Amino acid sequence: MGMVLNFIGVLSIIVLIGCILFIIYKLIRHGKQSLNLNYFLGIVICVLFFVISIEAGKFYPTEDTIWQKIIQVTNTETERAFDEAEELQKIMTGVDLTEEEAWNVINTFKQCGFEEIYFNGENSKLDEKYGKGYTFKYKDKIINAVIDNSGHVWVIFSGDCYFYEYQHIQCTRKDWYISEEEKEEMKEKALNNLEKYAKNKFSNTNDWQVLKIWQENKGYLISSLENEIYVYFLPNKQLDTIIIKNEVYYTRYKK
C-alpha cells in the first residue's frame, strides 16, 4: 500500500508540473482569455492527491517510502542546524557548569577555529586528575576535551592532533580539517603529477589517504600503502615531493 501511495504522489507531481507548463504555454500563445476554470481545478486536484498520499503514507510505513526519506532528510538538516544557545545549555547540563563557565568552554573552542561545535557527552576514558573527559562533534569528526569543574579547558584534541594544550593554541581547525571535496581535489592533483613526473597512471585511488599536516612542515600528504606512494604538497597546494617505493621522482629542492 505504501508503494501505491508513493506512485500516486509522484504521478500527481508529474501531472501538476504538466498543468503548470500547459497554462504557461496557453498564456504565451493565446493570452489570459484562453484560460478556463478547469485548468485551475486540475492543479488543485493534483495538490490534494499529493498531500493525501503523504499523509496516508504515514500509516503505511515501508523501508523504501519516498516521503519518509524526504521527511527524514529534512528533519536531519533541521536537527543539525547550529544553535549556540542550545549547545551552551547542553554544556551547562552535561558538564555541570554555570553559564559563564560554559561560555568559557565555547570561547576556547572558538579560539581554535571551531565556530560551530556540538556537545556529545562524557567520555570517562579521557578523565585526568585535573578534569573529566568529554567529546564534541565538528561535522563528521569527534573532538575530545578535558574540562575541570570551574569550566577551564585543559586540552582539546582529535587523534594525535592537539588544538589546545597548556593554555595555548597548538593548532587550528583550518590547519587540521579537510573536506571530502578538498580530498578529491588533492587526489586529482596527485594523479596529474604522478603521470607527469613518474610516468605512472593509477586508475584506483580508493585506498589513497589524504591528510593535512599540522606540525612544523604544514601541507598535504597523499599516500597509498598498497602502491607505496608518497606525494607531498605545500599549504598553497604547490607540489613538493613525489616518492614511489623509496625512489624520489620529484623534489622542489635542487641538488
C-alpha atoms as a PDB file:
ATOM      1  CA  MET A   1       0.000   0.000   0.000  1.00  0.00           C
ATOM      2  CA  GLY A   2       2.835   2.349   0.832  1.00  0.00           C
ATOM      3  CA  MET A   3       4.348   1.848  -2.620  1.00  0.00           C
ATOM      4  CA  VAL A   4       0.970   2.578  -4.266  1.00  0.00           C
ATOM      5  CA  LEU A   5       0.761   5.848  -2.345  1.00  0.00           C
ATOM      6  CA  ASN A   6       4.307   6.646  -3.424  1.00  0.00           C
ATOM      7  CA  PHE A   7       3.310   6.111  -7.040  1.00  0.00           C
ATOM      8  CA  ILE A   8       0.194   8.295  -6.680  1.00  0.00           C
ATOM      9  CA  GLY A   9       2.229  11.062  -5.054  1.00  0.00           C
ATOM     10  CA  VAL A  10       4.926  11.018  -7.743  1.00  0.00           C
ATOM     11  CA  LEU A  11       2.299  10.873 -10.511  1.00  0.00           C
ATOM     12  CA  SER A  12       0.459  13.835  -9.003  1.00  0.00           C
ATOM     13  CA  ILE A  13       3.696  15.866  -9.060  1.00  0.00           C
ATOM     14  CA  ILE A  14       4.287  14.995 -12.718  1.00  0.00           C
ATOM     15  CA  VAL A  15       0.717  15.942 -13.664  1.00  0.00           C
ATOM     16  CA  LEU A  16       0.938  19.136 -11.602  1.00  0.00           C
ATOM     17  CA  ILE A  17       4.108  20.204 -13.415  1.00  0.00           C
ATOM     18  CA  GLY A  18       2.459  19.378 -16.726  1.00  0.00           C
ATOM     19  CA  CYS A  19      -0.593  21.507 -15.877  1.00  0.00           C
ATOM     20  CA  ILE A  20       1.553  24.459 -14.888  1.00  0.00           C
ATOM     21  CA  LEU A  21       3.616  24.212 -18.076  1.00  0.00           C
ATOM     22  CA  PHE A  22       0.434  23.942 -20.167  1.00  0.00           C
ATOM     23  CA  ILE A  23      -1.031  27.056 -18.527  1.00  0.00           C
ATOM     24  CA  ILE A  24       2.183  28.974 -19.178  1.00  0.00           C
ATOM     25  CA  TYR A  25       2.052  27.851 -22.820  1.00  0.00           C
ATOM     26  CA  LYS A  26      -1.582  28.981 -23.162  1.00  0.00           C
ATOM     27  CA  LEU A  27      -0.757  32.358 -21.637  1.00  0.00           C
ATOM     28  CA  ILE A  28       2.149  32.920 -24.008  1.00  0.00           C
ATOM     29  CA  ARG A  29       0.326  31.802 -27.164  1.00  0.00           C
ATOM     30  CA  HIS A  30      -3.266  32.963 -26.574  1.00  0.00           C
ATOM     31  CA  GLY A  31      -3.305  35.308 -23.591  1.00  0.00           C
ATOM     32  CA  LYS A  32      -5.393  35.252 -20.410  1.00  0.00           C
ATOM     33  CA  GLN A  33      -8.693  34.814 -22.248  1.00  0.00           C
ATOM     34  CA  SER A  34      -7.661  31.301 -23.301  1.00  0.00           C
ATOM     35  CA  LEU A  35      -7.655  30.043 -19.705  1.00  0.00           C
ATOM     36  CA  ASN A  36     -10.675  28.489 -18.046  1.00  0.00           C
ATOM     37  CA  LEU A  37     -11.594  27.185 -14.611  1.00  0.00           C
ATOM     38  CA  ASN A  38     -10.839  23.541 -15.499  1.00  0.00           C
ATOM     39  CA  TYR A  39      -7.102  24.184 -15.664  1.00  0.00           C
ATOM     40  CA  PHE A  40      -7.019  25.585 -12.134  1.00  0.00           C
ATOM     41  CA  LEU A  41      -9.254  22.803 -10.826  1.00  0.00           C
ATOM     42  CA  GLY A  42      -6.752  20.318 -12.249  1.00  0.00           C
ATOM     43  CA  ILE A  43      -3.930  21.959 -10.305  1.00  0.00           C
ATOM     44  CA  VAL A  44      -5.992  21.902  -7.079  1.00  0.00           C
ATOM     45  CA  ILE A  45      -6.799  18.201  -7.560  1.00  0.00           C
ATOM     46  CA  CYS A  46      -3.116  17.354  -8.126  1.00  0.00           C
ATOM     47  CA  VAL A  47      -2.105  19.209  -4.969  1.00  0.00           C
ATOM     48  CA  LEU A  48      -4.806  17.390  -2.993  1.00  0.00           C
ATOM     49  CA  PHE A  49      -3.627  13.979  -4.268  1.00  0.00           C
ATOM     50  CA  PHE A  50      -0.055  14.905  -3.349  1.00  0.00           C
ATOM     51  CA  VAL A  51      -0.989  15.920   0.224  1.00  0.00           C
ATOM     52  CA  ILE A  52      -3.246  12.879   0.703  1.00  0.00           C
ATOM     53  CA  SER A  53      -0.510  10.497  -0.495  1.00  0.00           C
ATOM     54  CA  ILE A  54       1.958  11.946   2.037  1.00  0.00           C
ATOM     55  CA  GLU A  55      -0.478  11.879   4.964  1.00  0.00           C
ATOM     56  CA  ALA A  56      -1.822   8.406   4.137  1.00  0.00           C
ATOM     57  CA  GLY A  57       1.728   7.110   3.666  1.00  0.00           C
ATOM     58  CA  LYS A  58       2.414   7.782   7.333  1.00  0.00           C
ATOM     59  CA  PHE A  59       0.021   4.937   8.191  1.00  0.00           C
ATOM     60  CA  TYR A  60       1.729   2.532   5.769  1.00  0.00           C
ATOM     61  CA  PRO A  61       5.450   2.827   6.588  1.00  0.00           C
ATOM     62  CA  THR A  62       7.894   0.891   4.436  1.00  0.00           C
ATOM     63  CA  GLU A  63      11.675   0.940   4.298  1.00  0.00           C
ATOM     64  CA  ASP A  64      11.684   2.463   0.842  1.00  0.00           C
ATOM     65  CA  THR A  65       8.909   5.046   1.279  1.00  0.00           C
ATOM     66  CA  ILE A  66       9.882   8.112  -0.753  1.00  0.00           C
ATOM     67  CA  TRP A  67       8.111  10.567   1.537  1.00  0.00           C
ATOM     68  CA  GLN A  68       9.700   9.029   4.620  1.00  0.00           C
ATOM     69  CA  LYS A  69      13.132   9.612   3.112  1.00  0.00           C
ATOM     70  CA  ILE A  70      12.283  13.208   2.179  1.00  0.00           C
ATOM     71  CA  ILE A  71      10.936  13.950   5.658  1.00  0.00           C
ATOM     72  CA  GLN A  72      13.892  12.172   7.311  1.00  0.00           C
ATOM     73  CA  VAL A  73      16.459  14.202   5.371  1.00  0.00           C
ATOM     74  CA  THR A  74      14.586  17.443   6.135  1.00  0.00           C
ATOM     75  CA  ASN A  75      14.408  16.597   9.842  1.00  0.00           C
ATOM     76  CA  THR A  76      18.103  15.685   9.944  1.00  0.00           C
ATOM     77  CA  GLU A  77      19.102  19.011   8.391  1.00  0.00           C
ATOM     78  CA  THR A  78      16.852  20.848  10.832  1.00  0.00           C
ATOM     79  CA  GLU A  79      18.245  18.967  13.826  1.00  0.00           C
ATOM     80  CA  ARG A  80      21.832  19.712  12.804  1.00  0.00           C
ATOM     81  CA  ALA A  81      21.222  23.426  12.300  1.00  0.00           C
ATOM     82  CA  PHE A  82      23.672  25.020  14.731  1.00  0.00           C
ATOM     83  CA  ASP A  83      22.140  26.779  17.729  1.00  0.00           C
ATOM     84  CA  GLU A  84      24.794  28.256  20.010  1.00  0.00           C
ATOM     85  CA  ALA A  85      22.337  28.885  22.843  1.00  0.00           C
ATOM     86  CA  GLU A  86      21.191  25.269  22.705  1.00  0.00           C
ATOM     87  CA  GLU A  87      24.767  23.969  22.784  1.00  0.00           C
ATOM     88  CA  LEU A  88      25.502  26.299  25.710  1.00  0.00           C
ATOM     89  CA  GLN A  89      22.675  24.677  27.677  1.00  0.00           C
ATOM     90  CA  LYS A  90      23.912  21.188  26.774  1.00  0.00           C
ATOM     91  CA  ILE A  91      27.403  22.033  28.058  1.00  0.00           C
ATOM     92  CA  MET A  92      25.991  23.570  31.250  1.00  0.00           C
ATOM     93  CA  THR A  93      23.941  20.431  31.930  1.00  0.00           C
ATOM     94  CA  GLY A  94      26.399  17.815  30.662  1.00  0.00           C
ATOM     95  CA  VAL A  95      29.494  19.239  32.380  1.00  0.00           C
ATOM     96  CA  ASP A  96      27.637  20.792  35.340  1.00  0.00           C
ATOM     97  CA  LEU A  97      28.857  24.351  34.756  1.00  0.00           C
ATOM     98  CA  THR A  98      27.453  27.830  35.202  1.00  0.00           C
ATOM     99  CA  GLU A  99      26.550  29.856  32.122  1.00  0.00           C
ATOM    100  CA  GLU A 100      29.764  31.885  32.405  1.00  0.00           C
ATOM    101  CA  GLU A 101      31.855  28.731  32.719  1.00  0.00           C
ATOM    102  CA  ALA A 102      30.107  27.131  29.727  1.00  0.00           C
ATOM    103  CA  TRP A 103      30.799  30.271  27.654  1.00  0.00           C
ATOM    104  CA  ASN A 104      34.466  29.873  28.599  1.00  0.00           C
ATOM    105  CA  VAL A 105      34.406  26.379  27.038  1.00  0.00           C
ATOM    106  CA  ILE A 106      32.729  27.616  23.849  1.00  0.00           C
ATOM    107  CA  ASN A 107      35.120  30.560  23.518  1.00  0.00           C
ATOM    108  CA  THR A 108      38.147  28.264  23.940  1.00  0.00           C
ATOM    109  CA  PHE A 109      36.875  26.178  21.026  1.00  0.00           C
ATOM    110  CA  LYS A 110      36.357  29.379  19.015  1.00  0.00           C
ATOM    111  CA  GLN A 111      39.968  30.383  19.632  1.00  0.00           C
ATOM    112  CA  CYS A 112      40.923  27.114  17.944  1.00  0.00           C
ATOM    113  CA  GLY A 113      38.733  27.950  14.942  1.00  0.00           C
ATOM    114  CA  PHE A 114      35.627  25.917  15.862  1.00  0.00           C
ATOM    115  CA  GLU A 115      32.771  28.387  15.394  1.00  0.00           C
ATOM    116  CA  GLU A 116      30.275  25.510  15.403  1.00  0.00           C
ATOM    117  CA  ILE A 117      30.822  22.714  17.900  1.00  0.00           C
ATOM    118  CA  TYR A 118      28.287  20.186  19.202  1.00  0.00           C
ATOM    119  CA  PHE A 119      28.413  18.749  22.716  1.00  0.00           C
ATOM    120  CA  ASN A 120      28.369  14.924  22.521  1.00  0.00           C
ATOM    121  CA  GLY A 121      28.695  13.731  26.132  1.00  0.00           C
ATOM    122  CA  GLU A 122      31.070  12.326  28.738  1.00  0.00           C
ATOM    123  CA  ASN A 123      33.974  10.017  27.997  1.00  0.00           C
ATOM    124  CA  SER A 124      35.460   8.561  31.187  1.00  0.00           C
ATOM    125  CA  LYS A 125      38.392   7.108  29.230  1.00  0.00           C
ATOM    126  CA  LEU A 126      39.708  10.667  28.872  1.00  0.00           C
ATOM    127  CA  ASP A 127      39.457  11.518  32.589  1.00  0.00           C
ATOM    128  CA  GLU A 128      42.563  13.021  34.164  1.00  0.00           C
ATOM    129  CA  LYS A 129      43.389  14.080  37.713  1.00  0.00           C
ATOM    130  CA  TYR A 130      42.793  17.700  36.725  1.00  0.00           C
ATOM    131  CA  GLY A 131      39.496  17.206  34.917  1.00  0.00           C
ATOM    132  CA  LYS A 132      36.930  14.971  33.245  1.00  0.00           C
ATOM    133  CA  GLY A 133      36.822  13.906  29.615  1.00  0.00           C
ATOM    134  CA  TYR A 134      34.104  14.902  27.144  1.00  0.00           C
ATOM    135  CA  THR A 135      33.525  14.507  23.427  1.00  0.00           C
ATOM    136  CA  PHE A 136      32.283  17.090  20.944  1.00  0.00           C
ATOM    137  CA  LYS A 137      31.481  16.853  17.247  1.00  0.00           C
ATOM    138  CA  TYR A 138      32.584  19.018  14.357  1.00  0.00           C
ATOM    139  CA  LYS A 139      30.930  17.909  11.092  1.00  0.00           C
ATOM    140  CA  ASP A 140      31.783  14.188  10.880  1.00  0.00           C
ATOM    141  CA  LYS A 141      34.737  14.362  13.301  1.00  0.00           C
ATOM    142  CA  ILE A 142      34.972  13.650  17.022  1.00  0.00           C
ATOM    143  CA  ILE A 143      36.805  16.249  19.116  1.00  0.00           C
ATOM    144  CA  ASN A 144      37.955  15.361  22.636  1.00  0.00           C
ATOM    145  CA  ALA A 145      38.372  17.729  25.567  1.00  0.00           C
ATOM    146  CA  VAL A 146      39.285  17.624  29.231  1.00  0.00           C
ATOM    147  CA  ILE A 147      37.440  20.200  31.352  1.00  0.00           C
ATOM    148  CA  ASP A 148      37.547  20.839  35.101  1.00  0.00           C
ATOM    149  CA  ASN A 149      34.564  21.794  37.280  1.00  0.00           C
ATOM    150  CA  SER A 150      35.333  25.502  37.000  1.00  0.00           C
ATOM    151  CA  GLY A 151      34.980  25.459  33.223  1.00  0.00           C
ATOM    152  CA  HIS A 152      38.687  25.633  32.454  1.00  0.00           C
ATOM    153  CA  VAL A 153      39.630  23.672  29.357  1.00  0.00           C
ATOM    154  CA  TRP A 154      42.890  21.799  29.828  1.00  0.00           C
ATOM    155  CA  VAL A 155      43.232  20.145  26.470  1.00  0.00           C
ATOM    156  CA  ILE A 156      41.374  19.838  23.152  1.00  0.00           C
ATOM    157  CA  PHE A 157      42.488  17.189  20.666  1.00  0.00           C
ATOM    158  CA  SER A 158      41.436  14.784  17.935  1.00  0.00           C
ATOM    159  CA  GLY A 159      43.601  11.739  17.293  1.00  0.00           C
ATOM    160  CA  ASP A 160      47.192  12.892  17.654  1.00  0.00           C
ATOM    161  CA  CYS A 161      46.366  16.492  16.723  1.00  0.00           C
ATOM    162  CA  TYR A 162      46.297  18.803  19.755  1.00  0.00           C
ATOM    163  CA  PHE A 163      44.456  22.092  19.243  1.00  0.00           C
ATOM    164  CA  TYR A 164      44.714  23.444  22.782  1.00  0.00           C
ATOM    165  CA  GLU A 165      47.187  22.465  25.479  1.00  0.00           C
ATOM    166  CA  TYR A 166      48.893  24.163  28.432  1.00  0.00           C
ATOM    167  CA  GLN A 167      46.566  27.171  27.965  1.00  0.00           C
ATOM    168  CA  HIS A 168      47.962  27.756  24.486  1.00  0.00           C
ATOM    169  CA  ILE A 169      46.624  27.160  20.987  1.00  0.00           C
ATOM    170  CA  GLN A 170      48.743  24.494  19.326  1.00  0.00           C
ATOM    171  CA  CYS A 171      46.780  24.095  16.095  1.00  0.00           C
ATOM    172  CA  THR A 172      43.614  25.483  14.489  1.00  0.00           C
ATOM    173  CA  ARG A 173      40.698  23.838  12.712  1.00  0.00           C
ATOM    174  CA  LYS A 174      41.844  25.302   9.413  1.00  0.00           C
ATOM    175  CA  ASP A 175      45.243  23.625   9.776  1.00  0.00           C
ATOM    176  CA  TRP A 176      43.659  20.260  10.521  1.00  0.00           C
ATOM    177  CA  TYR A 177      40.276  19.764   8.847  1.00  0.00           C
ATOM    178  CA  ILE A 178      39.990  18.726   5.218  1.00  0.00           C
ATOM    179  CA  SER A 179      36.617  18.334   3.489  1.00  0.00           C
ATOM    180  CA  GLU A 180      35.709  15.498   1.120  1.00  0.00           C
ATOM    181  CA  GLU A 181      35.738  17.983  -1.784  1.00  0.00           C
ATOM    182  CA  GLU A 182      39.267  19.085  -0.906  1.00  0.00           C
ATOM    183  CA  LYS A 183      40.366  15.448  -0.582  1.00  0.00           C
ATOM    184  CA  GLU A 184      39.169  14.727  -4.117  1.00  0.00           C
ATOM    185  CA  GLU A 185      40.902  17.890  -5.363  1.00  0.00           C
ATOM    186  CA  MET A 186      44.232  16.819  -3.839  1.00  0.00           C
ATOM    187  CA  LYS A 187      43.880  13.264  -5.182  1.00  0.00           C
ATOM    188  CA  GLU A 188      43.389  14.717  -8.660  1.00  0.00           C
ATOM    189  CA  LYS A 189      46.464  16.930  -8.259  1.00  0.00           C
ATOM    190  CA  ALA A 190      48.481  13.924  -7.110  1.00  0.00           C
ATOM    191  CA  LEU A 191      47.295  11.819 -10.071  1.00  0.00           C
ATOM    192  CA  ASN A 192      48.233  14.539 -12.564  1.00  0.00           C
ATOM    193  CA  ASN A 193      51.690  14.997 -11.087  1.00  0.00           C
ATOM    194  CA  LEU A 194      52.346  11.263 -10.840  1.00  0.00           C
ATOM    195  CA  GLU A 195      51.556  10.965 -14.538  1.00  0.00           C
ATOM    196  CA  LYS A 196      53.755  13.949 -15.365  1.00  0.00           C
ATOM    197  CA  TYR A 197      56.833  13.173 -13.279  1.00  0.00           C
ATOM    198  CA  ALA A 198      56.672   9.436 -12.541  1.00  0.00           C
ATOM    199  CA  LYS A 199      55.077   8.493 -15.873  1.00  0.00           C
ATOM    200  CA  ASN A 200      52.626   6.313 -13.959  1.00  0.00           C
ATOM    201  CA  LYS A 201      48.844   6.173 -14.252  1.00  0.00           C
ATOM    202  CA  PHE A 202      46.775   4.976 -11.321  1.00  0.00           C
ATOM    203  CA  SER A 203      43.114   4.240 -12.016  1.00  0.00           C
ATOM    204  CA  ASN A 204      42.193   3.139  -8.493  1.00  0.00           C
ATOM    205  CA  THR A 205      42.544   5.692  -5.696  1.00  0.00           C
ATOM    206  CA  ASN A 206      40.186   4.076  -3.177  1.00  0.00           C
ATOM    207  CA  ASP A 207      42.970   3.240  -0.726  1.00  0.00           C
ATOM    208  CA  TRP A 208      44.615   6.659  -1.005  1.00  0.00           C
ATOM    209  CA  GLN A 209      44.792   8.658   2.201  1.00  0.00           C
ATOM    210  CA  VAL A 210      44.654  12.460   2.135  1.00  0.00           C
ATOM    211  CA  LEU A 211      45.773  14.240   5.288  1.00  0.00           C
ATOM    212  CA  LYS A 212      46.598  17.747   6.355  1.00  0.00           C
ATOM    213  CA  ILE A 213      49.893  18.004   8.180  1.00  0.00           C
ATOM    214  CA  TRP A 214      49.622  20.401  11.106  1.00  0.00           C
ATOM    215  CA  GLN A 215      53.147  20.054  12.518  1.00  0.00           C
ATOM    216  CA  GLU A 216      56.028  22.365  11.633  1.00  0.00           C
ATOM    217  CA  ASN A 217      56.117  21.267   7.978  1.00  0.00           C
ATOM    218  CA  LYS A 218      52.490  22.018   7.185  1.00  0.00           C
ATOM    219  CA  GLY A 219      50.856  20.897   3.975  1.00  0.00           C
ATOM    220  CA  TYR A 220      49.022  17.978   2.367  1.00  0.00           C
ATOM    221  CA  LEU A 221      50.116  14.354   2.332  1.00  0.00           C
ATOM    222  CA  ILE A 222      48.613  11.926  -0.202  1.00  0.00           C
ATOM    223  CA  SER A 223      49.729   8.352   0.348  1.00  0.00           C
ATOM    224  CA  SER A 224      48.965   4.778  -0.662  1.00  0.00           C
ATOM    225  CA  LEU A 225      50.282   1.794   1.292  1.00  0.00           C
ATOM    226  CA  GLU A 226      49.304  -0.596  -1.499  1.00  0.00           C
ATOM    227  CA  ASN A 227      51.327   1.237  -4.160  1.00  0.00           C
ATOM    228  CA  GLU A 228      53.872   2.741  -1.736  1.00  0.00           C
ATOM    229  CA  ILE A 229      53.133   6.253  -2.986  1.00  0.00           C
ATOM    230  CA  TYR A 230      54.005   9.417  -1.115  1.00  0.00           C
ATOM    231  CA  VAL A 231      53.044  12.800  -2.582  1.00  0.00           C
ATOM    232  CA  TYR A 232      53.513  15.945  -0.520  1.00  0.00           C
ATOM    233  CA  PHE A 233      52.103  19.411  -1.294  1.00  0.00           C
ATOM    234  CA  LEU A 234      52.830  22.708   0.433  1.00  0.00           C
ATOM    235  CA  PRO A 235      49.988  24.611   2.176  1.00  0.00           C
ATOM    236  CA  ASN A 236      49.462  26.639  -1.041  1.00  0.00           C
ATOM    237  CA  LYS A 237      48.973  23.268  -2.839  1.00  0.00           C
ATOM    238  CA  GLN A 238      52.275  23.546  -4.729  1.00  0.00           C
ATOM    239  CA  LEU A 239      53.903  20.166  -5.379  1.00  0.00           C
ATOM    240  CA  ASP A 240      56.850  19.486  -3.066  1.00  0.00           C
ATOM    241  CA  THR A 241      57.813  15.797  -3.300  1.00  0.00           C
ATOM    242  CA  ILE A 242      56.896  12.557  -5.097  1.00  0.00           C
ATOM    243  CA  ILE A 243      58.252   9.252  -3.790  1.00  0.00           C
ATOM    244  CA  ILE A 244      57.285   5.782  -5.048  1.00  0.00           C
ATOM    245  CA  LYS A 245      58.814   2.718  -3.381  1.00  0.00           C
ATOM    246  CA  ASN A 246      61.580   4.860  -1.829  1.00  0.00           C
ATOM    247  CA  GLU A 247      62.565   6.320  -5.210  1.00  0.00           C
ATOM    248  CA  VAL A 248      62.324  10.117  -5.488  1.00  0.00           C
ATOM    249  CA  TYR A 249      60.653  11.196  -8.734  1.00  0.00           C
ATOM    250  CA  TYR A 250      60.296  14.863  -7.929  1.00  0.00           C
ATOM    251  CA  THR A 251      61.503  17.309  -5.307  1.00  0.00           C
ATOM    252  CA  ARG A 252      61.360  21.066  -5.453  1.00  0.00           C
ATOM    253  CA  TYR A 253      64.736  21.253  -3.709  1.00  0.00           C
ATOM    254  CA  LYS A 254      67.517  21.421  -6.272  1.00  0.00           C
ATOM    255  CA  LYS A 255      70.521  19.244  -5.566  1.00  0.00           C
END
